[in-house]
Amino acid sequence: MVEEERYCVDILTQVASLRAALEQFGSIMLSMHIEECVYGDAQNGAFEHLSGEERMEEVRLTLSRFLK
């Protein structure tokens, strides 16, 4: 769109749509990580040895990375 010299507002609208889609995808991935990996029966079992507090720390760390 930039190379085609399209109207700036149209380009910004597309950027906003892309951002919203990426945010939604990130939220889905975050939920899946918490539900399946940290607290569920993850196939790799990476978190099965952690205590409840250690699992919560993983959730906190993941949230802080995601919300930057």
PDB file of N, CA and C in Angstrom:
ATOM      1  N   MET A   1       0.819  -1.189   0.000  1.00  0.00           N
ATOM      2  CA  MET A   1       0.000   0.000   0.000  1.00  0.00           C
ATOM      3  C   MET A   1       0.871   1.264   0.000  1.00  0.00           C
ATOM      4  N   VAL A   2       1.969   1.210   0.731  1.00  0.00           N
ATOM      5  CA  VAL A   2       2.870   2.368   0.764  1.00  0.00           C
ATOM      6  C   VAL A   2       3.493   2.574  -0.610  1.00  0.00           C
ATOM      7  N   GLU A   3       3.966   1.477  -1.202  1.00  0.00           N
ATOM      8  CA  GLU A   3       4.578   1.570  -2.525  1.00  0.00           C
ATOM      9  C   GLU A   3       3.584   2.049  -3.573  1.00  0.00           C
ATOM     10  N   GLU A   4       2.313   1.732  -3.350  1.00  0.00           N
ATOM     11  CA  GLU A   4       1.275   2.170  -4.274  1.00  0.00           C
ATOM     12  C   GLU A   4       0.811   3.590  -3.977  1.00  0.00           C
ATOM     13  N   GLU A   5       1.405   4.196  -2.946  1.00  0.00           N
ATOM     14  CA  GLU A   5       1.084   5.559  -2.520  1.00  0.00           C
ATOM     15  C   GLU A   5      -0.408   5.707  -2.213  1.00  0.00           C
ATOM     16  N   ARG A   6      -0.923   4.732  -1.480  1.00  0.00           N
ATOM     17  CA  ARG A   6      -2.325   4.766  -1.070  1.00  0.00           C
ATOM     18  C   ARG A   6      -2.524   5.819   0.011  1.00  0.00           C
ATOM     19  N   TYR A   7      -3.734   6.190   0.235  1.00  0.00           N
ATOM     20  CA  TYR A   7      -4.114   7.199   1.218  1.00  0.00           C
ATOM     21  C   TYR A   7      -3.654   6.756   2.613  1.00  0.00           C
ATOM     22  N   CYS A   8      -3.012   7.661   3.341  1.00  0.00           N
ATOM     23  CA  CYS A   8      -2.419   7.337   4.646  1.00  0.00           C
ATOM     24  C   CYS A   8      -3.424   6.738   5.629  1.00  0.00           C
ATOM     25  N   VAL A   9      -4.626   7.264   5.649  1.00  0.00           N
ATOM     26  CA  VAL A   9      -5.635   6.765   6.584  1.00  0.00           C
ATOM     27  C   VAL A   9      -5.979   5.305   6.270  1.00  0.00           C
ATOM     28  N   ASP A  10      -6.004   4.944   5.006  1.00  0.00           N
ATOM     29  CA  ASP A  10      -6.262   3.559   4.629  1.00  0.00           C
ATOM     30  C   ASP A  10      -5.141   2.645   5.129  1.00  0.00           C
ATOM     31  N   ILE A  11      -3.925   3.106   5.011  1.00  0.00           N
ATOM     32  CA  ILE A  11      -2.778   2.326   5.491  1.00  0.00           C
ATOM     33  C   ILE A  11      -2.849   2.182   7.008  1.00  0.00           C
ATOM     34  N   LEU A  12      -3.138   3.266   7.704  1.00  0.00           N
ATOM     35  CA  LEU A  12      -3.236   3.218   9.162  1.00  0.00           C
ATOM     36  C   LEU A  12      -4.372   2.310   9.619  1.00  0.00           C
ATOM     37  N   THR A  13      -5.454   2.271   8.877  1.00  0.00           N
ATOM     38  CA  THR A  13      -6.561   1.377   9.199  1.00  0.00           C
ATOM     39  C   THR A  13      -6.109  -0.077   9.087  1.00  0.00           C
ATOM     40  N   GLN A  14      -5.339  -0.385   8.074  1.00  0.00           N
ATOM     41  CA  GLN A  14      -4.818  -1.744   7.919  1.00  0.00           C
ATOM     42  C   GLN A  14      -3.839  -2.087   9.035  1.00  0.00           C
ATOM     43  N   VAL A  15      -3.009  -1.141   9.428  1.00  0.00           N
ATOM     44  CA  VAL A  15      -2.074  -1.355  10.538  1.00  0.00           C
ATOM     45  C   VAL A  15      -2.854  -1.657  11.820  1.00  0.00           C
ATOM     46  N   ALA A  16      -3.909  -0.895  12.079  1.00  0.00           N
ATOM     47  CA  ALA A  16      -4.731  -1.110  13.271  1.00  0.00           C
ATOM     48  C   ALA A  16      -5.375  -2.495  13.248  1.00  0.00           C
ATOM     49  N   SER A  17      -5.835  -2.914  12.088  1.00  0.00           N
ATOM     50  CA  SER A  17      -6.435  -4.244  11.962  1.00  0.00           C
ATOM     51  C   SER A  17      -5.418  -5.338  12.238  1.00  0.00           C
ATOM     52  N   LEU A  18      -4.233  -5.162  11.722  1.00  0.00           N
ATOM     53  CA  LEU A  18      -3.171  -6.143  11.945  1.00  0.00           C
ATOM     54  C   LEU A  18      -2.795  -6.217  13.419  1.00  0.00           C
ATOM     55  N   ARG A  19      -2.671  -5.056  14.066  1.00  0.00           N
ATOM     56  CA  ARG A  19      -2.357  -5.032  15.495  1.00  0.00           C
ATOM     57  C   ARG A  19      -3.417  -5.764  16.304  1.00  0.00           C
ATOM     58  N   ALA A  20      -4.689  -5.523  15.984  1.00  0.00           N
ATOM     59  CA  ALA A  20      -5.783  -6.170  16.704  1.00  0.00           C
ATOM     60  C   ALA A  20      -5.732  -7.681  16.523  1.00  0.00           C
ATOM     61  N   ALA A  21      -5.444  -8.121  15.317  1.00  0.00           N
ATOM     62  CA  ALA A  21      -5.354  -9.554  15.046  1.00  0.00           C
ATOM     63  C   ALA A  21      -4.195 -10.180  15.821  1.00  0.00           C
ATOM     64  N   LEU A  22      -3.057  -9.504  15.861  1.00  0.00           N
ATOM     65  CA  LEU A  22      -1.910 -10.019  16.606  1.00  0.00           C
ATOM     66  C   LEU A  22      -2.188 -10.049  18.102  1.00  0.00           C
ATOM     67  N   GLU A  23      -2.871  -9.045  18.623  1.00  0.00           N
ATOM     68  CA  GLU A  23      -3.238  -9.028  20.045  1.00  0.00           C
ATOM     69  C   GLU A  23      -4.151 -10.201  20.367  1.00  0.00           C
ATOM     70  N   GLN A  24      -5.126 -10.454  19.507  1.00  0.00           N
ATOM     71  CA  GLN A  24      -6.050 -11.560  19.731  1.00  0.00           C
ATOM     72  C   GLN A  24      -5.303 -12.892  19.683  1.00  0.00           C
ATOM     73  N   PHE A  25      -4.415 -13.046  18.728  1.00  0.00           N
ATOM     74  CA  PHE A  25      -3.615 -14.264  18.626  1.00  0.00           C
ATOM     75  C   PHE A  25      -2.758 -14.440  19.879  1.00  0.00           C
ATOM     76  N   GLY A  26      -2.141 -13.357  20.347  1.00  0.00           N
ATOM     77  CA  GLY A  26      -1.330 -13.414  21.559  1.00  0.00           C
ATOM     78  C   GLY A  26      -2.149 -13.836  22.763  1.00  0.00           C
ATOM     79  N   SER A  27      -3.355 -13.333  22.886  1.00  0.00           N
ATOM     80  CA  SER A  27      -4.225 -13.706  23.998  1.00  0.00           C
ATOM     81  C   SER A  27      -4.576 -15.190  23.952  1.00  0.00           C
ATOM     82  N   ILE A  28      -4.831 -15.679  22.764  1.00  0.00           N
ATOM     83  CA  ILE A  28      -5.132 -17.110  22.609  1.00  0.00           C
ATOM     84  C   ILE A  28      -3.926 -17.946  23.007  1.00  0.00           C
ATOM     85  N   MET A  29      -2.746 -17.555  22.544  1.00  0.00           N
ATOM     86  CA  MET A  29      -1.536 -18.304  22.875  1.00  0.00           C
ATOM     87  C   MET A  29      -1.241 -18.247  24.375  1.00  0.00           C
ATOM     88  N   LEU A  30      -1.451 -17.099  24.992  1.00  0.00           N
ATOM     89  CA  LEU A  30      -1.248 -16.962  26.429  1.00  0.00           C
ATOM     90  C   LEU A  30      -2.184 -17.893  27.185  1.00  0.00           C
ATOM     91  N   SER A  31      -3.444 -17.908  26.818  1.00  0.00           N
ATOM     92  CA  SER A  31      -4.412 -18.796  27.464  1.00  0.00           C
ATOM     93  C   SER A  31      -4.020 -20.258  27.298  1.00  0.00           C
ATOM     94  N   MET A  32      -3.618 -20.616  26.090  1.00  0.00           N
ATOM     95  CA  MET A  32      -3.211 -22.002  25.841  1.00  0.00           C
ATOM     96  C   MET A  32      -1.991 -22.377  26.677  1.00  0.00           C
ATOM     97  N   HIS A  33      -1.040 -21.469  26.788  1.00  0.00           N
ATOM     98  CA  HIS A  33       0.167 -21.747  27.568  1.00  0.00           C
ATOM     99  C   HIS A  33      -0.197 -22.013  29.024  1.00  0.00           C
ATOM    100  N   ILE A  34      -1.040 -21.159  29.578  1.00  0.00           N
ATOM    101  CA  ILE A  34      -1.423 -21.327  30.981  1.00  0.00           C
ATOM    102  C   ILE A  34      -2.244 -22.599  31.177  1.00  0.00           C
ATOM    103  N   GLU A  35      -3.256 -22.794  30.337  1.00  0.00           N
ATOM    104  CA  GLU A  35      -4.155 -23.932  30.495  1.00  0.00           C
ATOM    105  C   GLU A  35      -3.491 -25.273  30.209  1.00  0.00           C
ATOM    106  N   GLU A  36      -2.715 -25.329  29.141  1.00  0.00           N
ATOM    107  CA  GLU A  36      -2.174 -26.613  28.705  1.00  0.00           C
ATOM    108  C   GLU A  36      -0.763 -26.889  29.216  1.00  0.00           C
ATOM    109  N   CYS A  37       0.082 -25.869  29.211  1.00  0.00           N
ATOM    110  CA  CYS A  37       1.480 -26.101  29.567  1.00  0.00           C
ATOM    111  C   CYS A  37       1.730 -25.969  31.074  1.00  0.00           C
ATOM    112  N   VAL A  38       1.255 -24.889  31.667  1.00  0.00           N
ATOM    113  CA  VAL A  38       1.561 -24.637  33.066  1.00  0.00           C
ATOM    114  C   VAL A  38       0.681 -25.463  33.996  1.00  0.00           C
ATOM    115  N   TYR A  39      -0.634 -25.535  33.697  1.00  0.00           N
ATOM    116  CA  TYR A  39      -1.548 -26.218  34.606  1.00  0.00           C
ATOM    117  C   TYR A  39      -2.207 -27.460  34.028  1.00  0.00           C
ATOM    118  N   GLY A  40      -2.020 -27.730  32.763  1.00  0.00           N
ATOM    119  CA  GLY A  40      -2.680 -28.885  32.154  1.00  0.00           C
ATOM    120  C   GLY A  40      -1.744 -30.048  31.967  1.00  0.00           C
ATOM    121  N   ASP A  41      -2.187 -30.977  31.177  1.00  0.00           N
ATOM    122  CA  ASP A  41      -1.386 -32.156  30.839  1.00  0.00           C
ATOM    123  C   ASP A  41      -0.619 -31.891  29.560  1.00  0.00           C
ATOM    124  N   ALA A  42       0.410 -31.088  29.647  1.00  0.00           N
ATOM    125  CA  ALA A  42       1.214 -30.781  28.460  1.00  0.00           C
ATOM    126  C   ALA A  42       1.961 -32.033  28.024  1.00  0.00           C
ATOM    127  N   GLN A  43       2.063 -32.214  26.744  1.00  0.00           N
ATOM    128  CA  GLN A  43       2.733 -33.407  26.215  1.00  0.00           C
ATOM    129  C   GLN A  43       4.194 -33.455  26.623  1.00  0.00           C
ATOM    130  N   ASN A  44       4.827 -32.280  26.685  1.00  0.00           N
ATOM    131  CA  ASN A  44       6.253 -32.296  27.023  1.00  0.00           C
ATOM    132  C   ASN A  44       6.489 -32.350  28.522  1.00  0.00           C
ATOM    133  N   GLY A  45       5.454 -32.091  29.333  1.00  0.00           N
ATOM    134  CA  GLY A  45       5.585 -32.188  30.783  1.00  0.00           C
ATOM    135  C   GLY A  45       6.599 -31.234  31.384  1.00  0.00           C
ATOM    136  N   ALA A  46       6.847 -30.119  30.742  1.00  0.00           N
ATOM    137  CA  ALA A  46       7.899 -29.207  31.184  1.00  0.00           C
ATOM    138  C   ALA A  46       7.644 -28.610  32.562  1.00  0.00           C
ATOM    139  N   PHE A  47       6.380 -28.508  32.971  1.00  0.00           N
ATOM    140  CA  PHE A  47       6.065 -27.836  34.229  1.00  0.00           C
ATOM    141  C   PHE A  47       5.498 -28.774  35.287  1.00  0.00           C
ATOM    142  N   GLU A  48       5.460 -30.072  35.019  1.00  0.00           N
ATOM    143  CA  GLU A  48       4.821 -30.993  35.947  1.00  0.00           C
ATOM    144  C   GLU A  48       5.539 -31.089  37.292  1.00  0.00           C
ATOM    145  N   HIS A  49       6.803 -30.785  37.345  1.00  0.00           N
ATOM    146  CA  HIS A  49       7.565 -30.881  38.588  1.00  0.00           C
ATOM    147  C   HIS A  49       7.485 -29.621  39.445  1.00  0.00           C
ATOM    148  N   LEU A  50       6.856 -28.562  38.948  1.00  0.00           N
ATOM    149  CA  LEU A  50       6.819 -27.296  39.670  1.00  0.00           C
ATOM    150  C   LEU A  50       5.722 -27.266  40.724  1.00  0.00           C
ATOM    151  N   SER A  51       6.011 -26.556  41.826  1.00  0.00           N
ATOM    152  CA  SER A  51       5.001 -26.345  42.859  1.00  0.00           C
ATOM    153  C   SER A  51       3.992 -25.315  42.370  1.00  0.00           C
ATOM    154  N   GLY A  52       2.916 -25.151  43.117  1.00  0.00           N
ATOM    155  CA  GLY A  52       1.905 -24.157  42.764  1.00  0.00           C
ATOM    156  C   GLY A  52       2.483 -22.758  42.671  1.00  0.00           C
ATOM    157  N   GLU A  53       3.340 -22.402  43.620  1.00  0.00           N
ATOM    158  CA  GLU A  53       3.953 -21.064  43.607  1.00  0.00           C
ATOM    159  C   GLU A  53       4.880 -20.902  42.404  1.00  0.00           C
ATOM    160  N   GLU A  54       5.619 -21.946  42.061  1.00  0.00           N
ATOM    161  CA  GLU A  54       6.502 -21.879  40.894  1.00  0.00           C
ATOM    162  C   GLU A  54       5.693 -21.755  39.603  1.00  0.00           C
ATOM    163  N   ARG A  55       4.555 -22.405  39.549  1.00  0.00           N
ATOM    164  CA  ARG A  55       3.688 -22.279  38.378  1.00  0.00           C
ATOM    165  C   ARG A  55       3.138 -20.861  38.270  1.00  0.00           C
ATOM    166  N   MET A  56       2.754 -20.273  39.414  1.00  0.00           N
ATOM    167  CA  MET A  56       2.271 -18.895  39.404  1.00  0.00           C
ATOM    168  C   MET A  56       3.374 -17.938  38.961  1.00  0.00           C
ATOM    169  N   GLU A  57       4.600 -18.211  39.361  1.00  0.00           N
ATOM    170  CA  GLU A  57       5.718 -17.366  38.925  1.00  0.00           C
ATOM    171  C   GLU A  57       5.886 -17.457  37.411  1.00  0.00           C
ATOM    172  N   GLU A  58       5.700 -18.635  36.850  1.00  0.00           N
ATOM    173  CA  GLU A  58       5.749 -18.797  35.392  1.00  0.00           C
ATOM    174  C   GLU A  58       4.654 -17.967  34.730  1.00  0.00           C
ATOM    175  N   VAL A  59       3.465 -17.980  35.309  1.00  0.00           N
ATOM    176  CA  VAL A  59       2.364 -17.176  34.776  1.00  0.00           C
ATOM    177  C   VAL A  59       2.714 -15.694  34.862  1.00  0.00           C
ATOM    178  N   ARG A  60       3.237 -15.240  36.002  1.00  0.00           N
ATOM    179  CA  ARG A  60       3.625 -13.833  36.156  1.00  0.00           C
ATOM    180  C   ARG A  60       4.678 -13.430  35.126  1.00  0.00           C
ATOM    181  N   LEU A  61       5.685 -14.263  34.961  1.00  0.00           N
ATOM    182  CA  LEU A  61       6.758 -13.978  34.008  1.00  0.00           C
ATOM    183  C   LEU A  61       6.215 -13.904  32.581  1.00  0.00           C
ATOM    184  N   THR A  62       5.369 -14.854  32.241  1.00  0.00           N
ATOM    185  CA  THR A  62       4.790 -14.867  30.897  1.00  0.00           C
ATOM    186  C   THR A  62       3.922 -13.628  30.662  1.00  0.00           C
ATOM    187  N   LEU A  63       3.119 -13.268  31.659  1.00  0.00           N
ATOM    188  CA  LEU A  63       2.286 -12.061  31.535  1.00  0.00           C
ATOM    189  C   LEU A  63       3.136 -10.815  31.378  1.00  0.00           C
ATOM    190  N   SER A  64       4.205 -10.713  32.158  1.00  0.00           N
ATOM    191  CA  SER A  64       5.049  -9.509  32.043  1.00  0.00           C
ATOM    192  C   SER A  64       5.690  -9.408  30.666  1.00  0.00           C
ATOM    193  N   ARG A  65       6.058 -10.524  30.069  1.00  0.00           N
ATOM    194  CA  ARG A  65       6.619 -10.498  28.721  1.00  0.00           C
ATOM    195  C   ARG A  65       5.566 -10.133  27.686  1.00  0.00           C
ATOM    196  N   PHE A  66       4.363 -10.687  27.859  1.00  0.00           N
ATOM    197  CA  PHE A  66       3.295 -10.466  26.897  1.00  0.00           C
ATOM    198  C   PHE A  66       2.769  -9.044  26.951  1.00  0.00           C
ATOM    199  N   LEU A  67       2.726  -8.461  28.134  1.00  0.00           N
ATOM    200  CA  LEU A  67       2.110  -7.146  28.295  1.00  0.00           C
ATOM    201  C   LEU A  67       3.063  -5.983  28.070  1.00  0.00           C
ATOM    202  N   LYS A  68       4.286  -6.235  27.695  1.00  0.00           N
ATOM    203  CA  LYS A  68       5.243  -5.136  27.435  1.00  0.00           C
ATOM    204  C   LYS A  68       4.800  -4.304  26.275  1.00  0.00           C
TER     205      LYS A  68
END
